[in-house]
Protein backbone atom coordinates (compact mmCIF):
# COMPACT_ATOMS: atom_id res chain seq x y z
CA UNK A 1 -40.36 53.73 -13.90
CA UNK A 2 -38.52 53.22 -10.76
CA UNK A 3 -40.16 51.67 -7.35
CA UNK A 4 -41.46 54.49 -5.23
CA UNK A 5 -40.51 54.32 -1.84
CA UNK A 6 -43.16 54.85 1.42
CA UNK A 7 -42.38 57.61 3.69
CA UNK A 8 -41.10 55.04 6.38
CA UNK A 9 -38.45 53.70 3.73
CA UNK A 10 -37.31 57.28 3.13
CA UNK A 11 -37.05 57.95 6.65
CA UNK A 12 -34.85 54.48 7.32
CA UNK A 13 -32.72 55.38 4.44
CA UNK A 14 -31.75 58.88 5.66
CA UNK A 15 -31.31 57.50 8.91
CA UNK A 16 -28.88 55.24 7.77
CA UNK A 17 -26.73 57.66 5.41
CA UNK A 18 -26.42 59.99 8.43
CA UNK A 19 -25.28 57.26 10.57
CA UNK A 20 -22.74 56.00 7.59
CA UNK A 21 -23.98 52.74 7.35
CA UNK A 22 -24.68 52.92 3.51
CA UNK A 23 -22.20 54.07 1.35
CA UNK A 24 -23.83 56.38 -1.45
CA UNK A 25 -20.79 54.97 -3.94
CA UNK A 26 -22.44 51.59 -3.45
CA UNK A 27 -25.83 52.60 -4.35
CA UNK A 28 -24.66 54.44 -7.49
CA UNK A 29 -22.74 51.20 -8.58
CA UNK A 30 -25.67 48.94 -7.81
CA UNK A 31 -27.97 51.24 -10.04
CA UNK A 32 -25.73 50.80 -12.72
CA UNK A 33 -25.89 46.71 -12.29
CA UNK A 34 -27.47 45.24 -15.14
CA UNK A 35 -28.96 41.56 -15.00
CA UNK A 36 -27.82 39.88 -18.21
CA UNK A 37 -29.51 36.43 -19.34
CA UNK A 38 -27.52 33.96 -20.95
CA UNK A 39 -28.85 32.80 -24.61
CA UNK A 40 -27.34 29.66 -26.20
CA UNK A 41 -27.45 30.30 -29.94
CA UNK A 42 -26.58 26.59 -30.68
CA UNK A 43 -29.42 25.55 -28.55
CA UNK A 44 -32.33 28.20 -28.82
CA UNK A 45 -34.80 27.56 -26.26
CA UNK A 46 -38.19 27.53 -28.46
CA UNK A 47 -40.10 25.48 -26.04
CA UNK A 48 -41.36 27.10 -22.78
CA UNK A 49 -41.64 24.71 -19.66
CA UNK A 50 -45.37 25.09 -19.71
CA UNK A 51 -45.75 24.17 -23.62
CA UNK A 52 -43.50 20.94 -22.53
CA UNK A 53 -45.63 20.22 -19.72
CA UNK A 54 -48.90 20.80 -21.83
CA UNK A 55 -47.52 18.16 -24.16
CA UNK A 56 -46.86 15.60 -21.16
CA UNK A 57 -50.37 16.05 -20.27
CA UNK A 58 -51.49 15.25 -24.03
CA UNK A 59 -49.43 12.17 -24.07
CA UNK A 60 -50.25 11.47 -20.64
CA UNK A 61 -53.76 10.72 -22.38
CA UNK A 62 -52.49 9.23 -25.31
CA UNK A 63 -50.56 6.76 -23.06
CA UNK A 64 -53.63 5.58 -21.58
CA UNK A 65 -55.66 5.11 -24.80
CA UNK A 66 -52.73 2.83 -26.49
CA UNK A 67 -52.37 0.81 -23.02
CA UNK A 68 -56.02 -0.18 -23.53
CA UNK A 69 -55.90 -0.63 -26.99
CA UNK A 70 -52.82 -3.05 -27.02
CA UNK A 71 -53.97 -4.56 -23.92
CA UNK A 72 -57.28 -5.81 -26.26
CA UNK A 73 -55.50 -6.59 -29.38
CA UNK A 74 -52.52 -8.29 -28.22
CA UNK A 75 -54.61 -9.95 -25.10
CA UNK A 76 -51.71 -9.46 -22.92
CA UNK A 77 -51.45 -6.72 -19.79
CA UNK A 78 -49.55 -3.34 -21.19
CA UNK A 79 -48.48 -0.40 -19.21
CA UNK A 80 -47.73 2.93 -20.58
CA UNK A 81 -46.44 5.69 -19.02
CA UNK A 82 -44.93 9.32 -19.91
CA UNK A 83 -41.29 9.56 -18.97
CA UNK A 84 -40.65 13.32 -19.75
CA UNK A 85 -41.08 16.03 -22.41
CA UNK A 86 -37.93 17.94 -23.45
CA UNK A 87 -36.42 19.99 -25.84
CA UNK A 88 -33.47 18.85 -27.96
CA UNK A 89 -31.94 19.14 -31.30
CA UNK A 90 -33.19 16.61 -33.96
CA UNK A 91 -29.21 15.74 -34.13
CA UNK A 92 -29.22 14.52 -30.49
CA UNK A 93 -32.09 12.49 -31.07
CA UNK A 94 -31.08 11.11 -34.57
CA UNK A 95 -27.85 10.20 -33.07
CA UNK A 96 -28.97 8.41 -30.30
CA UNK A 97 -30.65 5.61 -32.65
CA UNK A 98 -29.05 2.48 -33.47
CA UNK A 99 -29.91 0.25 -36.47
CA UNK A 100 -32.30 -1.42 -36.90
CA UNK A 101 -34.83 1.01 -35.61
CA UNK A 102 -38.65 1.22 -36.33
CA UNK A 103 -38.92 4.63 -37.25
CA UNK A 104 -42.56 5.90 -38.27
CA UNK A 105 -42.77 9.05 -40.32
CA UNK A 106 -46.20 10.56 -39.69
CA UNK A 107 -48.00 13.49 -41.65
CA UNK A 108 -49.25 15.77 -38.86
CA UNK A 109 -51.89 17.34 -40.86
CA UNK A 110 -53.56 19.90 -40.80
CA UNK A 111 -50.17 21.20 -39.19
CA UNK A 112 -47.75 21.55 -42.13
CA UNK A 113 -44.88 18.88 -41.59
CA UNK A 114 -43.99 15.69 -40.35
CA UNK A 115 -43.48 13.97 -36.87
CA UNK A 116 -41.16 10.83 -36.11
CA UNK A 117 -42.26 7.98 -33.77
CA UNK A 118 -39.75 6.04 -32.72
CA UNK A 119 -40.64 2.37 -31.53
CA UNK A 120 -37.79 0.14 -29.94
CA UNK A 121 -37.22 -2.96 -32.00
CA UNK A 122 -37.39 -5.22 -29.17
CA UNK A 123 -41.01 -4.29 -28.38
CA UNK A 124 -41.11 -4.55 -32.29
CA UNK A 125 -40.40 -8.17 -32.05
CA UNK A 126 -42.47 -9.26 -29.32
CA UNK A 127 -45.69 -7.51 -31.01
CA UNK A 128 -45.04 -9.63 -34.01
CA UNK A 129 -44.73 -12.74 -31.66
CA UNK A 130 -48.07 -11.87 -30.16
CA UNK A 131 -49.79 -11.28 -33.64
CA UNK A 132 -48.71 -14.35 -34.96
CA UNK A 133 -49.93 -16.47 -31.82
CA UNK A 134 -46.59 -16.62 -29.65
CA UNK A 135 -46.16 -15.22 -26.00
CA UNK A 136 -44.51 -12.30 -26.85
CA UNK A 137 -40.83 -12.99 -25.95
CA UNK A 138 -37.87 -11.13 -27.09
CA UNK A 139 -35.44 -12.79 -29.75
CA UNK A 140 -31.93 -13.40 -28.98
CA UNK A 141 -30.21 -11.06 -31.36
CA UNK A 142 -31.23 -7.95 -33.05
CA UNK A 143 -31.67 -8.58 -36.78
CA UNK A 144 -33.20 -6.74 -39.56
CA UNK A 145 -36.88 -7.03 -40.05
CA UNK A 146 -38.64 -9.28 -42.93
CA UNK A 147 -41.23 -7.88 -45.50
CA UNK A 148 -43.67 -9.67 -43.98
CA UNK A 149 -42.85 -8.65 -40.51
CA UNK A 150 -42.86 -4.65 -41.84
CA UNK A 151 -46.27 -5.03 -43.29
CA UNK A 152 -47.68 -6.49 -39.48
CA UNK A 153 -45.78 -3.32 -37.99
CA UNK A 154 -47.27 -0.79 -40.42
CA UNK A 155 -50.89 -2.24 -39.54
CA UNK A 156 -50.28 -1.87 -35.57
CA UNK A 157 -48.51 1.43 -35.98
CA UNK A 158 -51.28 2.83 -38.45
CA UNK A 159 -53.60 2.08 -35.63
CA UNK A 160 -51.34 3.65 -32.90
CA UNK A 161 -51.62 6.87 -35.10
CA UNK A 162 -55.23 7.31 -35.42
CA UNK A 163 -55.48 7.10 -32.01
CA UNK A 164 -53.54 10.45 -31.64
CA UNK A 165 -56.44 11.85 -32.79
CA UNK A 166 -58.52 12.51 -29.38
CA UNK A 167 -55.86 13.41 -27.03
CA UNK A 168 -55.10 16.61 -29.49
CA UNK A 169 -58.56 17.13 -29.97
CA UNK A 170 -58.68 20.19 -27.32
CA UNK A 171 -55.80 21.85 -29.41
CA UNK A 172 -56.34 20.95 -32.93
CA UNK A 173 -58.27 18.73 -34.98
CA UNK A 174 -55.91 16.11 -36.22
CA UNK A 175 -55.64 13.81 -39.02
CA UNK A 176 -52.24 11.94 -39.14
CA UNK A 177 -51.48 9.51 -41.52
CA UNK A 178 -48.62 7.00 -41.70
CA UNK A 179 -46.22 7.90 -44.53
CA UNK A 180 -43.79 5.21 -44.35
CA UNK A 181 -41.50 3.16 -41.91
CA UNK A 182 -38.12 3.10 -42.15
CA UNK A 183 -35.60 0.50 -40.40
CA UNK A 184 -32.47 2.69 -40.88
CA UNK A 185 -32.37 5.97 -39.18
CA UNK A 186 -30.22 7.66 -42.18
CA UNK A 187 -33.26 7.66 -44.24
CA UNK A 188 -35.47 9.40 -41.74
CA UNK A 189 -34.09 13.33 -42.06
CA UNK A 190 -37.16 15.26 -42.13
CA UNK A 191 -35.83 18.61 -40.85
CA UNK A 192 -32.14 20.25 -40.25
CA UNK A 193 -30.00 18.26 -37.88
CA UNK A 194 -29.90 21.74 -35.98
CA UNK A 195 -33.71 22.55 -35.44
CA UNK A 196 -35.23 22.19 -32.35
CA UNK A 197 -37.67 19.33 -31.33
CA UNK A 198 -40.00 18.24 -28.86
CA UNK A 199 -39.19 14.79 -27.30
CA UNK A 200 -41.69 12.93 -25.48
CA UNK A 201 -40.56 9.56 -24.29
CA UNK A 202 -42.82 6.72 -23.14
CA UNK A 203 -42.23 3.85 -21.52
CA UNK A 204 -44.14 0.59 -22.83
CA UNK A 205 -44.41 -2.92 -20.97
CA UNK A 206 -46.07 -5.33 -22.85
CA UNK A 207 -46.15 -8.31 -20.61
CA UNK A 208 -42.63 -9.03 -19.50
CA UNK A 209 -40.92 -7.08 -22.47
CA UNK A 210 -40.07 -3.33 -21.70
CA UNK A 211 -39.11 -0.71 -24.08
CA UNK A 212 -39.41 2.90 -25.43
CA UNK A 213 -41.67 4.60 -27.77
CA UNK A 214 -40.64 8.27 -28.57
CA UNK A 215 -42.40 10.95 -30.15
CA UNK A 216 -40.42 13.38 -32.18
CA UNK A 217 -42.29 16.76 -32.87
CA UNK A 218 -40.28 19.40 -34.58
CA UNK A 219 -40.66 22.90 -33.47
CA UNK A 220 -41.71 24.28 -36.93
CA UNK A 221 -44.70 21.54 -36.75
CA UNK A 222 -46.16 23.19 -33.55
CA UNK A 223 -45.41 26.59 -34.14
CA UNK A 224 -48.86 27.40 -35.27
CA UNK A 225 -50.62 26.29 -32.11
CA UNK A 226 -47.96 26.91 -29.46
CA UNK A 227 -50.11 29.35 -27.82
CA UNK A 228 -52.39 26.85 -27.41
CA UNK A 229 -49.90 24.67 -25.85
CA UNK A 230 -50.68 26.20 -22.04
CA UNK A 231 -52.54 24.53 -19.25
CA UNK A 232 -54.47 27.90 -19.16
CA UNK A 233 -55.68 27.48 -22.79
CA UNK A 234 -56.25 23.56 -21.90
CA UNK A 235 -58.48 23.68 -19.12
CA UNK A 236 -60.44 26.30 -20.50
CA UNK A 237 -61.49 23.89 -23.22
CA UNK A 238 -62.04 20.88 -20.71
CA UNK A 239 -64.20 23.26 -18.50
CA UNK A 240 -65.96 24.03 -21.93
CA UNK A 241 -65.95 28.02 -21.20
CA UNK A 242 -66.47 28.26 -24.81
CA UNK A 243 -70.36 26.87 -24.60
CA UNK A 244 -71.15 27.64 -28.50
CA UNK A 245 -68.52 25.41 -29.52
CA UNK A 246 -69.33 22.62 -27.16
CA UNK A 247 -73.06 22.69 -28.03
CA UNK A 248 -72.04 22.41 -31.42
CA UNK A 249 -70.09 19.46 -30.68
CA UNK A 250 -72.88 17.64 -28.84
CA UNK A 251 -75.08 18.56 -31.79
CA UNK A 252 -72.79 17.06 -34.23
CA UNK A 253 -72.82 13.63 -31.90
CA UNK A 254 -76.32 13.34 -31.49
CA UNK A 255 -76.98 14.06 -35.36
CA UNK A 256 -75.02 10.67 -35.80
CA UNK A 257 -76.36 8.77 -32.64
CA UNK A 258 -78.77 5.70 -33.74
CA UNK A 259 -81.93 5.04 -32.11
CA UNK A 260 -84.43 2.39 -32.63
CA UNK A 261 -88.01 3.50 -34.07
CA UNK A 262 -90.97 1.18 -33.88
CA UNK A 263 -94.57 1.35 -34.97
CA UNK A 264 -96.96 -0.61 -32.94
CA UNK A 265 -100.35 -2.15 -34.83
CA UNK A 266 -101.81 -2.65 -31.50
CA UNK A 267 -101.68 -4.70 -28.45
CA UNK A 268 -103.49 -7.89 -26.93
CA UNK A 269 -102.97 -10.80 -24.47
CA UNK A 270 -103.25 -14.67 -25.00
CA UNK A 271 -102.74 -17.49 -23.02
CA UNK A 272 -99.32 -19.48 -23.69
CA UNK A 273 -101.64 -22.17 -25.02
CA UNK A 274 -103.13 -20.17 -27.74
CA UNK A 275 -99.64 -19.00 -28.84
CA UNK A 276 -98.04 -22.57 -29.09
CA UNK A 277 -101.35 -23.80 -31.29
CA UNK A 278 -100.95 -20.60 -33.51
CA UNK A 279 -101.16 -21.83 -36.92
CA UNK A 280 -100.83 -19.78 -40.58
CA UNK A 281 -104.30 -17.84 -41.44
CA UNK A 282 -105.33 -17.61 -37.47
CA UNK A 283 -106.38 -14.05 -36.56
CA UNK A 284 -105.53 -12.44 -33.47
CA UNK A 285 -107.83 -9.48 -32.49
CA UNK A 286 -106.08 -6.16 -31.24
CA UNK A 287 -107.13 -3.24 -29.04
CA UNK A 288 -107.01 -1.01 -32.00
CA UNK A 289 -109.18 0.16 -34.79
CA UNK A 290 -108.15 -0.19 -38.73
CA UNK A 291 -108.44 3.42 -39.12
CA UNK A 292 -106.73 4.13 -35.95
CA UNK A 293 -103.58 6.12 -35.67
CA UNK A 294 -100.41 3.88 -35.23
CA UNK A 295 -98.20 4.48 -32.10
CA UNK A 296 -94.25 5.29 -32.96
CA UNK A 297 -91.97 4.89 -30.45
CA UNK A 298 -88.55 6.20 -30.03
CA UNK A 299 -86.52 3.79 -27.92
CA UNK A 300 -88.94 3.09 -25.20
CA UNK A 301 -90.85 6.34 -25.42
CA UNK A 302 -94.28 7.29 -27.15
CA UNK A 303 -93.08 10.18 -29.44
CA UNK A 304 -95.42 10.12 -32.45
CA UNK A 305 -98.49 8.91 -34.33
CA UNK A 306 -98.84 7.85 -37.52
CA UNK A 307 -100.74 6.24 -40.49
CA UNK A 308 -99.59 2.94 -42.10
CA UNK A 309 -98.63 2.95 -46.00
CA UNK A 310 -96.02 2.35 -48.95
CA UNK A 311 -93.23 4.18 -50.03
CA UNK A 312 -91.05 3.24 -52.78
CA UNK A 313 -92.47 -0.08 -52.57
CA UNK A 314 -91.51 -0.46 -48.75
CA UNK A 315 -93.67 -0.60 -45.93
CA UNK A 316 -93.73 2.82 -44.05
CA UNK A 317 -95.57 4.91 -41.54
CA UNK A 318 -96.46 8.62 -42.39
CA UNK A 319 -96.40 10.72 -38.97
CA UNK A 320 -99.66 12.71 -38.41
CA UNK A 321 -99.20 14.07 -34.82
CA UNK A 322 -96.56 14.78 -31.94
CA UNK A 323 -96.57 13.11 -28.81
CA UNK A 324 -95.54 15.60 -26.00
CA UNK A 325 -96.47 14.04 -22.74
CA UNK A 326 -92.96 12.40 -22.44
CA UNK A 327 -91.01 15.47 -22.53
CA UNK A 328 -92.89 16.77 -19.20
């Protein structure tokens, strides 16, 4: 539907036509003009800027998590920052790699497909040196990794992959698993070279050694959850607009929380001298009777009363009443 002009705009337009300031042919030509948007079929735009921005937010959270983990595990100050997130073809990513590399092929379950995590070799050598008790210094000449070094790298990379769960929990409940580690880029062709990927680059400073970590996520992997990769959805989850889902999350966390339970047989006071001279067979008088209910505490709160007994040849307490005064 065309734009509706106000009466004042119509009057101004008629006035301009009468004075000759506007050419009718120019108006007709302008109406016939169409805005054409160029489309590059060689590099189709499959990721919106909003989606790339959300990926930056996710991996910004991830960078803080792995920074804390590496600092504690390697016992050296570690700083991790997100440089950028961009959409490129897989060919451009793989063509920029030079052997040897540390390419981790990761199963991004429950999403279908795999992602690739590229860790700079100088960071790999530094991490191995720290694990083996060194200062984390770089080697002078880049060489292939030995079998022992590959095993050490696999352990640290497995833990880094496990830490992906928390940053992605607002988008999808991930269960990533390391499939294999390749040190030759030619053996890491997980998708077609022309397929679009989201490439997130992290800068890692490990002591005095600095390098890059690239996370390559194919569009085919993210396609089922692309609509969730926007800040509106992200902050809606963070602000817990879906209260029923948040309540279930809290209940699930509370169900696995452990609290100490203790049953108190009775209480009394004795002097330090009496305590020092206690011997086997001595009797301590308590302030409760043999047929009295025991006080049962959850943490430091009195919650129940019960009777002592035996259950499956183990000492036990049977709850007889619930104390609700602590809830007021």
